[in-house]
């Protein structure tokens, strides 16, 4: 699907591949998704691993709270030239056409801001609770529609934790569990009920973190009639998962606080959680 050195995608091959897989994608349970192994030439991902950032960039974020423990994200704009080029190719027309043919969603728009996207890392002892993602890209006023995850974990075993879990919208049961193997790609629809996460604690015997690439895609279908929300964490039945009262407080605060004051408060909060 792509040039092995640069990561640029072959337009004809990627469009064809999307059409071949669309039925499998759209009839998947619990919501449209697909797992594709050997997704890219492995040498591309070898470069990603070799040059994976060791220090958080100024646009990066780190989280350490009950719902998202020991998690960091690294913005592609602060990577070296080769890796930036690779990420930019994931926002290119050939890759967008692959996703459109795969999902049946037309008019997909990539995110030049890489909001929440880029390299992700969860260190040993960390996890990401089951959740539904934020649904509104405010700077571009777009609706979030598709997630693409590409894993970077060599020889990863199920007992190391970190499996991607897909849950039904009522949070009654996990419907799919995906081990985050090297060069495995997962694509899925993003809605307010597409509950997913990797709630099983990372437990690699050599302390190696769980690493991945995350990209998000949008459409110009947002309207003021829709309710925007941030990440909505869920609790699994019979688990020790903790409810996310912080998000509920933030949503309540946003409803009552003038926009300028609310943005100032959030900026101050981000300063202290980095």
C-alpha atoms as a PDB file:
ATOM      1  CA  UNK A   1       0.000   0.000   0.000  1.00  0.00           C
ATOM      2  CA  UNK A   2       2.916   2.368   0.477  1.00  0.00           C
ATOM      3  CA  UNK A   3       6.490   3.162  -0.490  1.00  0.00           C
ATOM      4  CA  UNK A   4       8.673   1.235   1.946  1.00  0.00           C
ATOM      5  CA  UNK A   5      11.071   4.135   2.525  1.00  0.00           C
ATOM      6  CA  UNK A   6       8.836   7.172   2.711  1.00  0.00           C
ATOM      7  CA  UNK A   7       5.433   5.817   3.678  1.00  0.00           C
ATOM      8  CA  UNK A   8       3.679   7.509   0.751  1.00  0.00           C
ATOM      9  CA  UNK A   9       0.618   5.536  -0.271  1.00  0.00           C
ATOM     10  CA  UNK A  10      -0.087   4.087  -3.698  1.00  0.00           C
ATOM     11  CA  UNK A  11      -3.382   5.722  -4.677  1.00  0.00           C
ATOM     12  CA  UNK A  12      -4.770   2.875  -6.784  1.00  0.00           C
ATOM     13  CA  UNK A  13      -3.748   0.098  -4.394  1.00  0.00           C
ATOM     14  CA  UNK A  14      -5.105   1.814  -1.297  1.00  0.00           C
ATOM     15  CA  UNK A  15      -8.462   2.662  -2.890  1.00  0.00           C
ATOM     16  CA  UNK A  16      -8.844  -0.950  -4.060  1.00  0.00           C
ATOM     17  CA  UNK A  17      -7.912  -2.346  -0.639  1.00  0.00           C
ATOM     18  CA  UNK A  18     -10.569  -0.224   1.040  1.00  0.00           C
ATOM     19  CA  UNK A  19     -13.276  -1.527  -1.282  1.00  0.00           C
ATOM     20  CA  UNK A  20     -12.214  -5.136  -0.697  1.00  0.00           C
ATOM     21  CA  UNK A  21     -12.636  -4.801   3.069  1.00  0.00           C
ATOM     22  CA  UNK A  22     -15.733  -2.615   3.333  1.00  0.00           C
ATOM     23  CA  UNK A  23     -18.251  -5.414   3.974  1.00  0.00           C
ATOM     24  CA  UNK A  24     -16.062  -6.916   6.694  1.00  0.00           C
ATOM     25  CA  UNK A  25     -15.738  -3.482   8.275  1.00  0.00           C
ATOM     26  CA  UNK A  26     -19.368  -2.438   8.239  1.00  0.00           C
ATOM     27  CA  UNK A  27     -20.816  -5.721   9.492  1.00  0.00           C
ATOM     28  CA  UNK A  28     -18.419  -6.044  12.425  1.00  0.00           C
ATOM     29  CA  UNK A  29     -19.613  -6.310  16.017  1.00  0.00           C
ATOM     30  CA  UNK A  30     -20.182  -4.307  18.262  1.00  0.00           C
ATOM     31  CA  UNK A  31     -19.809  -1.415  15.792  1.00  0.00           C
ATOM     32  CA  UNK A  32     -18.056  -0.991  12.428  1.00  0.00           C
ATOM     33  CA  UNK A  33     -14.352  -1.801  12.737  1.00  0.00           C
ATOM     34  CA  UNK A  34     -11.583  -3.925  11.296  1.00  0.00           C
ATOM     35  CA  UNK A  35      -8.257  -5.416  12.415  1.00  0.00           C
ATOM     36  CA  UNK A  36      -5.576  -5.562   9.688  1.00  0.00           C
ATOM     37  CA  UNK A  37      -2.262  -7.305  10.281  1.00  0.00           C
ATOM     38  CA  UNK A  38       0.963  -6.471   8.370  1.00  0.00           C
ATOM     39  CA  UNK A  39      -0.549  -3.109   7.562  1.00  0.00           C
ATOM     40  CA  UNK A  40       2.598  -1.237   6.490  1.00  0.00           C
ATOM     41  CA  UNK A  41       6.103  -2.163   5.316  1.00  0.00           C
ATOM     42  CA  UNK A  42       7.735  -3.082   8.641  1.00  0.00           C
ATOM     43  CA  UNK A  43      10.799  -0.917   8.000  1.00  0.00           C
ATOM     44  CA  UNK A  44       8.588   2.180   8.371  1.00  0.00           C
ATOM     45  CA  UNK A  45       7.545   1.133  11.851  1.00  0.00           C
ATOM     46  CA  UNK A  46      11.110   0.149  12.708  1.00  0.00           C
ATOM     47  CA  UNK A  47      12.047   3.791  12.090  1.00  0.00           C
ATOM     48  CA  UNK A  48       9.139   4.863  14.300  1.00  0.00           C
ATOM     49  CA  UNK A  49      10.432   2.700  17.134  1.00  0.00           C
ATOM     50  CA  UNK A  50      14.041   3.749  16.674  1.00  0.00           C
ATOM     51  CA  UNK A  51      13.156   7.450  16.728  1.00  0.00           C
ATOM     52  CA  UNK A  52      10.308   7.309  19.230  1.00  0.00           C
ATOM     53  CA  UNK A  53      10.600  10.441  21.427  1.00  0.00           C
ATOM     54  CA  UNK A  54      12.257  10.109  24.800  1.00  0.00           C
ATOM     55  CA  UNK A  55      11.120  13.505  26.072  1.00  0.00           C
ATOM     56  CA  UNK A  56       7.650  15.059  25.947  1.00  0.00           C
ATOM     57  CA  UNK A  57       7.395  17.845  23.368  1.00  0.00           C
ATOM     58  CA  UNK A  58       5.787  21.214  24.118  1.00  0.00           C
ATOM     59  CA  UNK A  59       2.567  20.135  22.385  1.00  0.00           C
ATOM     60  CA  UNK A  60       2.572  16.714  24.051  1.00  0.00           C
ATOM     61  CA  UNK A  61       0.428  15.667  26.970  1.00  0.00           C
ATOM     62  CA  UNK A  62       0.767  13.262  29.863  1.00  0.00           C
ATOM     63  CA  UNK A  63      -1.943  11.812  32.083  1.00  0.00           C
ATOM     64  CA  UNK A  64      -1.817  10.029  35.410  1.00  0.00           C
ATOM     65  CA  UNK A  65      -5.206   9.646  37.011  1.00  0.00           C
ATOM     66  CA  UNK A  66      -7.516   6.686  37.667  1.00  0.00           C
ATOM     67  CA  UNK A  67      -8.993   6.640  34.151  1.00  0.00           C
ATOM     68  CA  UNK A  68      -5.773   7.144  32.158  1.00  0.00           C
ATOM     69  CA  UNK A  69      -2.714   6.079  34.064  1.00  0.00           C
ATOM     70  CA  UNK A  70       0.887   6.714  32.903  1.00  0.00           C
ATOM     71  CA  UNK A  71      -0.183   7.729  29.394  1.00  0.00           C
ATOM     72  CA  UNK A  72       1.685  10.207  27.156  1.00  0.00           C
ATOM     73  CA  UNK A  73       1.051  11.526  23.645  1.00  0.00           C
ATOM     74  CA  UNK A  74       3.602  13.132  21.298  1.00  0.00           C
ATOM     75  CA  UNK A  75       2.578  15.541  18.555  1.00  0.00           C
ATOM     76  CA  UNK A  76       3.959  14.698  15.065  1.00  0.00           C
ATOM     77  CA  UNK A  77       4.937  18.300  14.336  1.00  0.00           C
ATOM     78  CA  UNK A  78       7.793  17.972  16.835  1.00  0.00           C
ATOM     79  CA  UNK A  79       9.290  14.799  15.365  1.00  0.00           C
ATOM     80  CA  UNK A  80      12.219  14.655  12.945  1.00  0.00           C
ATOM     81  CA  UNK A  81      11.657  15.257   9.222  1.00  0.00           C
ATOM     82  CA  UNK A  82      11.295  11.601   8.192  1.00  0.00           C
ATOM     83  CA  UNK A  83       8.667  10.881  10.839  1.00  0.00           C
ATOM     84  CA  UNK A  84       6.799  14.110  10.118  1.00  0.00           C
ATOM     85  CA  UNK A  85       6.626  13.106   6.477  1.00  0.00           C
ATOM     86  CA  UNK A  86       5.219   9.714   7.441  1.00  0.00           C
ATOM     87  CA  UNK A  87       2.505  11.247   9.601  1.00  0.00           C
ATOM     88  CA  UNK A  88       1.640  13.788   6.921  1.00  0.00           C
ATOM     89  CA  UNK A  89       1.200  10.911   4.447  1.00  0.00           C
ATOM     90  CA  UNK A  90      -1.455   9.482   6.777  1.00  0.00           C
ATOM     91  CA  UNK A  91      -3.358  12.721   6.137  1.00  0.00           C
ATOM     92  CA  UNK A  92      -2.920  12.465   2.360  1.00  0.00           C
ATOM     93  CA  UNK A  93      -5.602  11.944  -0.273  1.00  0.00           C
ATOM     94  CA  UNK A  94      -4.674   8.302  -1.069  1.00  0.00           C
ATOM     95  CA  UNK A  95      -4.987   7.285   2.584  1.00  0.00           C
ATOM     96  CA  UNK A  96      -8.204   9.276   2.972  1.00  0.00           C
ATOM     97  CA  UNK A  97      -9.623   7.468  -0.074  1.00  0.00           C
ATOM     98  CA  UNK A  98      -8.686   4.130   1.509  1.00  0.00           C
ATOM     99  CA  UNK A  99     -10.610   5.083   4.654  1.00  0.00           C
ATOM    100  CA  UNK A 100     -13.601   6.381   2.700  1.00  0.00           C
ATOM    101  CA  UNK A 101     -13.850   3.188   0.666  1.00  0.00           C
ATOM    102  CA  UNK A 102     -13.355   1.062   3.759  1.00  0.00           C
ATOM    103  CA  UNK A 103     -15.928   2.799   5.952  1.00  0.00           C
ATOM    104  CA  UNK A 104     -18.375   4.121   3.379  1.00  0.00           C
ATOM    105  CA  UNK A 105     -18.072   7.568   4.982  1.00  0.00           C
ATOM    106  CA  UNK A 106     -17.436  10.163   2.288  1.00  0.00           C
ATOM    107  CA  UNK A 107     -15.873  13.573   2.696  1.00  0.00           C
ATOM    108  CA  UNK A 108     -13.442  12.567   5.419  1.00  0.00           C
ATOM    109  CA  UNK A 109     -11.184  15.384   6.586  1.00  0.00           C
ATOM    110  CA  UNK A 110      -7.764  14.807   8.200  1.00  0.00           C
ATOM    111  CA  UNK A 111      -6.624  16.823  11.190  1.00  0.00           C
ATOM    112  CA  UNK A 112      -3.628  19.100  10.509  1.00  0.00           C
ATOM    113  CA  UNK A 113      -3.583  19.958  14.234  1.00  0.00           C
ATOM    114  CA  UNK A 114      -3.241  16.288  15.282  1.00  0.00           C
ATOM    115  CA  UNK A 115      -5.457  16.977  18.304  1.00  0.00           C
ATOM    116  CA  UNK A 116      -4.804  14.105  20.696  1.00  0.00           C
ATOM    117  CA  UNK A 117      -3.150  12.173  17.860  1.00  0.00           C
ATOM    118  CA  UNK A 118       0.429  11.158  17.079  1.00  0.00           C
ATOM    119  CA  UNK A 119       2.578   8.729  19.020  1.00  0.00           C
ATOM    120  CA  UNK A 120       0.983   7.272  22.156  1.00  0.00           C
ATOM    121  CA  UNK A 121       2.765   5.514  25.009  1.00  0.00           C
ATOM    122  CA  UNK A 122       1.498   3.827  28.168  1.00  0.00           C
ATOM    123  CA  UNK A 123       4.177   2.769  30.620  1.00  0.00           C
ATOM    124  CA  UNK A 124       4.216  -0.312  32.839  1.00  0.00           C
ATOM    125  CA  UNK A 125       1.514  -0.076  35.480  1.00  0.00           C
ATOM    126  CA  UNK A 126      -0.598   2.160  33.252  1.00  0.00           C
ATOM    127  CA  UNK A 127      -3.861   1.671  31.414  1.00  0.00           C
ATOM    128  CA  UNK A 128      -6.610   3.545  29.564  1.00  0.00           C
ATOM    129  CA  UNK A 129     -10.136   2.914  30.809  1.00  0.00           C
ATOM    130  CA  UNK A 130     -13.000   2.154  28.435  1.00  0.00           C
ATOM    131  CA  UNK A 131     -14.401   5.357  26.957  1.00  0.00           C
ATOM    132  CA  UNK A 132     -16.137   7.088  24.078  1.00  0.00           C
ATOM    133  CA  UNK A 133     -13.975   9.775  22.452  1.00  0.00           C
ATOM    134  CA  UNK A 134     -14.532  13.511  22.204  1.00  0.00           C
ATOM    135  CA  UNK A 135     -16.826  14.189  19.252  1.00  0.00           C
ATOM    136  CA  UNK A 136     -16.207  17.817  18.242  1.00  0.00           C
ATOM    137  CA  UNK A 137     -13.031  19.310  16.750  1.00  0.00           C
ATOM    138  CA  UNK A 138     -13.585  22.875  17.907  1.00  0.00           C
ATOM    139  CA  UNK A 139     -10.843  24.713  15.933  1.00  0.00           C
ATOM    140  CA  UNK A 140     -12.249  23.372  12.641  1.00  0.00           C
ATOM    141  CA  UNK A 141     -15.858  22.849  13.832  1.00  0.00           C
ATOM    142  CA  UNK A 142     -15.869  19.254  12.582  1.00  0.00           C
ATOM    143  CA  UNK A 143     -17.477  16.019  13.740  1.00  0.00           C
ATOM    144  CA  UNK A 144     -15.162  13.157  14.668  1.00  0.00           C
ATOM    145  CA  UNK A 145     -15.904   9.976  12.691  1.00  0.00           C
ATOM    146  CA  UNK A 146     -12.959   7.559  12.399  1.00  0.00           C
ATOM    147  CA  UNK A 147     -10.073   6.344  14.578  1.00  0.00           C
ATOM    148  CA  UNK A 148      -6.969   4.654  13.139  1.00  0.00           C
ATOM    149  CA  UNK A 149      -4.570   2.872  15.513  1.00  0.00           C
ATOM    150  CA  UNK A 150      -1.301   1.257  14.407  1.00  0.00           C
ATOM    151  CA  UNK A 151       0.630  -0.713  17.018  1.00  0.00           C
ATOM    152  CA  UNK A 152       4.401  -0.744  17.552  1.00  0.00           C
ATOM    153  CA  UNK A 153       4.806  -3.573  20.070  1.00  0.00           C
ATOM    154  CA  UNK A 154       7.070  -6.439  19.060  1.00  0.00           C
ATOM    155  CA  UNK A 155       6.395  -9.946  20.383  1.00  0.00           C
ATOM    156  CA  UNK A 156       3.608  -8.627  22.589  1.00  0.00           C
ATOM    157  CA  UNK A 157       1.706 -11.300  24.490  1.00  0.00           C
ATOM    158  CA  UNK A 158      -1.791 -11.211  25.904  1.00  0.00           C
ATOM    159  CA  UNK A 159      -0.505 -11.559  29.456  1.00  0.00           C
ATOM    160  CA  UNK A 160       1.363  -8.261  29.044  1.00  0.00           C
ATOM    161  CA  UNK A 161      -2.004  -6.439  29.152  1.00  0.00           C
ATOM    162  CA  UNK A 162      -2.951  -3.439  27.030  1.00  0.00           C
ATOM    163  CA  UNK A 163      -5.437  -5.258  24.796  1.00  0.00           C
ATOM    164  CA  UNK A 164      -7.786  -2.956  22.896  1.00  0.00           C
ATOM    165  CA  UNK A 165     -11.299  -3.797  24.058  1.00  0.00           C
ATOM    166  CA  UNK A 166     -14.466  -2.923  22.142  1.00  0.00           C
ATOM    167  CA  UNK A 167     -17.602  -2.842  24.301  1.00  0.00           C
ATOM    168  CA  UNK A 168     -21.301  -2.685  23.445  1.00  0.00           C
ATOM    169  CA  UNK A 169     -23.062   0.643  23.911  1.00  0.00           C
ATOM    170  CA  UNK A 170     -24.723  -0.514  27.141  1.00  0.00           C
ATOM    171  CA  UNK A 171     -21.367  -1.510  28.702  1.00  0.00           C
ATOM    172  CA  UNK A 172     -22.684  -5.006  29.413  1.00  0.00           C
ATOM    173  CA  UNK A 173     -19.867  -6.996  27.808  1.00  0.00           C
ATOM    174  CA  UNK A 174     -16.585  -6.742  25.916  1.00  0.00           C
ATOM    175  CA  UNK A 175     -17.298  -7.855  22.338  1.00  0.00           C
ATOM    176  CA  UNK A 176     -13.750  -7.802  20.941  1.00  0.00           C
ATOM    177  CA  UNK A 177     -10.282  -7.980  22.504  1.00  0.00           C
ATOM    178  CA  UNK A 178      -7.292  -7.133  20.293  1.00  0.00           C
ATOM    179  CA  UNK A 179      -3.680  -7.755  21.317  1.00  0.00           C
ATOM    180  CA  UNK A 180      -1.632  -4.664  20.244  1.00  0.00           C
ATOM    181  CA  UNK A 181       0.852  -6.508  18.027  1.00  0.00           C
ATOM    182  CA  UNK A 182       3.537  -4.831  15.929  1.00  0.00           C
ATOM    183  CA  UNK A 183       2.168  -3.621  12.556  1.00  0.00           C
ATOM    184  CA  UNK A 184      -1.426  -4.419  13.491  1.00  0.00           C
ATOM    185  CA  UNK A 185      -3.880  -1.685  12.493  1.00  0.00           C
ATOM    186  CA  UNK A 186      -7.361  -1.155  13.915  1.00  0.00           C
ATOM    187  CA  UNK A 187      -9.846   1.197  12.261  1.00  0.00           C
ATOM    188  CA  UNK A 188     -13.240   1.924  13.791  1.00  0.00           C
ATOM    189  CA  UNK A 189     -16.168   4.321  13.717  1.00  0.00           C
ATOM    190  CA  UNK A 190     -16.136   6.951  16.444  1.00  0.00           C
ATOM    191  CA  UNK A 191     -19.484   7.809  18.023  1.00  0.00           C
ATOM    192  CA  UNK A 192     -20.747   8.723  21.466  1.00  0.00           C
ATOM    193  CA  UNK A 193     -21.388   5.012  22.113  1.00  0.00           C
ATOM    194  CA  UNK A 194     -18.328   3.394  20.477  1.00  0.00           C
ATOM    195  CA  UNK A 195     -16.885   2.369  23.829  1.00  0.00           C
ATOM    196  CA  UNK A 196     -13.280   1.195  23.688  1.00  0.00           C
ATOM    197  CA  UNK A 197     -10.040   1.291  25.660  1.00  0.00           C
ATOM    198  CA  UNK A 198      -7.191  -0.773  27.020  1.00  0.00           C
ATOM    199  CA  UNK A 199      -8.199  -1.185  30.677  1.00  0.00           C
ATOM    200  CA  UNK A 200      -5.904  -4.142  31.431  1.00  0.00           C
ATOM    201  CA  UNK A 201      -2.782  -2.830  33.171  1.00  0.00           C
ATOM    202  CA  UNK A 202       0.476  -2.907  31.186  1.00  0.00           C
ATOM    203  CA  UNK A 203       2.703  -5.573  32.702  1.00  0.00           C
ATOM    204  CA  UNK A 204       5.645  -6.231  30.401  1.00  0.00           C
ATOM    205  CA  UNK A 205       8.300  -8.365  32.168  1.00  0.00           C
ATOM    206  CA  UNK A 206      11.101  -6.130  30.848  1.00  0.00           C
ATOM    207  CA  UNK A 207       9.284  -2.875  31.570  1.00  0.00           C
ATOM    208  CA  UNK A 208       8.733  -2.083  27.883  1.00  0.00           C
ATOM    209  CA  UNK A 209       5.880   0.418  27.363  1.00  0.00           C
ATOM    210  CA  UNK A 210       2.886  -0.110  25.088  1.00  0.00           C
ATOM    211  CA  UNK A 211       3.311   2.131  22.028  1.00  0.00           C
ATOM    212  CA  UNK A 212       1.045   3.043  19.152  1.00  0.00           C
ATOM    213  CA  UNK A 213       0.223   5.528  16.416  1.00  0.00           C
ATOM    214  CA  UNK A 214      -3.171   7.228  16.608  1.00  0.00           C
ATOM    215  CA  UNK A 215      -4.923   9.253  13.896  1.00  0.00           C
ATOM    216  CA  UNK A 216      -8.437  10.720  13.863  1.00  0.00           C
ATOM    217  CA  UNK A 217     -10.587  11.780  10.920  1.00  0.00           C
ATOM    218  CA  UNK A 218     -13.607  14.056  10.674  1.00  0.00           C
ATOM    219  CA  UNK A 219     -16.488  15.260   8.492  1.00  0.00           C
ATOM    220  CA  UNK A 220     -18.099  18.685   8.089  1.00  0.00           C
ATOM    221  CA  UNK A 221     -21.368  17.373   9.533  1.00  0.00           C
ATOM    222  CA  UNK A 222     -21.208  19.146  12.882  1.00  0.00           C
ATOM    223  CA  UNK A 223     -24.120  21.416  13.758  1.00  0.00           C
ATOM    224  CA  UNK A 224     -25.111  23.469  16.784  1.00  0.00           C
ATOM    225  CA  UNK A 225     -27.949  21.017  17.380  1.00  0.00           C
ATOM    226  CA  UNK A 226     -25.430  18.342  18.365  1.00  0.00           C
ATOM    227  CA  UNK A 227     -24.058  18.127  21.877  1.00  0.00           C
ATOM    228  CA  UNK A 228     -20.307  18.330  22.054  1.00  0.00           C
ATOM    229  CA  UNK A 229     -18.535  16.321  24.715  1.00  0.00           C
ATOM    230  CA  UNK A 230     -15.036  15.460  25.819  1.00  0.00           C
ATOM    231  CA  UNK A 231     -13.854  11.889  26.469  1.00  0.00           C
ATOM    232  CA  UNK A 232     -16.589   9.963  28.255  1.00  0.00           C
ATOM    233  CA  UNK A 233     -15.121   7.268  30.501  1.00  0.00           C
ATOM    234  CA  UNK A 234     -17.184   4.214  31.386  1.00  0.00           C
ATOM    235  CA  UNK A 235     -17.007   1.613  34.153  1.00  0.00           C
ATOM    236  CA  UNK A 236     -16.999  -2.116  33.433  1.00  0.00           C
ATOM    237  CA  UNK A 237     -19.477  -4.264  35.347  1.00  0.00           C
ATOM    238  CA  UNK A 238     -17.898  -6.092  38.251  1.00  0.00           C
ATOM    239  CA  UNK A 239     -14.644  -4.123  37.975  1.00  0.00           C
ATOM    240  CA  UNK A 240     -12.846  -1.649  40.222  1.00  0.00           C
ATOM    241  CA  UNK A 241     -13.097   1.067  37.540  1.00  0.00           C
ATOM    242  CA  UNK A 242     -13.706   4.528  38.978  1.00  0.00           C
ATOM    243  CA  UNK A 243     -16.303   6.950  37.680  1.00  0.00           C
ATOM    244  CA  UNK A 244     -14.869  10.055  36.030  1.00  0.00           C
ATOM    245  CA  UNK A 245     -16.255  12.830  38.199  1.00  0.00           C
ATOM    246  CA  UNK A 246     -13.606  15.250  36.874  1.00  0.00           C
ATOM    247  CA  UNK A 247     -15.222  15.317  33.413  1.00  0.00           C
ATOM    248  CA  UNK A 248     -18.663  15.797  34.937  1.00  0.00           C
ATOM    249  CA  UNK A 249     -17.330  18.741  36.971  1.00  0.00           C
ATOM    250  CA  UNK A 250     -15.688  20.242  33.864  1.00  0.00           C
ATOM    251  CA  UNK A 251     -18.894  19.936  31.834  1.00  0.00           C
ATOM    252  CA  UNK A 252     -20.877  21.568  34.639  1.00  0.00           C
ATOM    253  CA  UNK A 253     -18.270  24.317  34.953  1.00  0.00           C
ATOM    254  CA  UNK A 254     -18.337  24.958  31.194  1.00  0.00           C
ATOM    255  CA  UNK A 255     -22.102  25.347  31.242  1.00  0.00           C
ATOM    256  CA  UNK A 256     -21.954  28.016  33.948  1.00  0.00           C
ATOM    257  CA  UNK A 257     -18.689  29.878  33.211  1.00  0.00           C
ATOM    258  CA  UNK A 258     -18.145  32.625  30.596  1.00  0.00           C
ATOM    259  CA  UNK A 259     -16.004  31.265  27.705  1.00  0.00           C
ATOM    260  CA  UNK A 260     -12.947  33.469  28.325  1.00  0.00           C
ATOM    261  CA  UNK A 261     -12.803  32.571  31.999  1.00  0.00           C
ATOM    262  CA  UNK A 262     -13.349  28.871  31.287  1.00  0.00           C
ATOM    263  CA  UNK A 263     -10.455  28.795  28.786  1.00  0.00           C
ATOM    264  CA  UNK A 264      -8.184  30.507  31.325  1.00  0.00           C
ATOM    265  CA  UNK A 265      -9.082  27.904  33.958  1.00  0.00           C
ATOM    266  CA  UNK A 266      -8.406  25.006  31.573  1.00  0.00           C
ATOM    267  CA  UNK A 267      -5.069  26.506  30.499  1.00  0.00           C
ATOM    268  CA  UNK A 268      -4.017  26.726  34.134  1.00  0.00           C
ATOM    269  CA  UNK A 269      -5.079  23.120  34.740  1.00  0.00           C
ATOM    270  CA  UNK A 270      -3.057  21.868  31.760  1.00  0.00           C
ATOM    271  CA  UNK A 271       0.023  23.680  33.068  1.00  0.00           C
ATOM    272  CA  UNK A 272      -0.101  21.700  36.291  1.00  0.00           C
ATOM    273  CA  UNK A 273      -0.842  18.233  34.851  1.00  0.00           C
ATOM    274  CA  UNK A 274       2.051  18.222  32.354  1.00  0.00           C
END
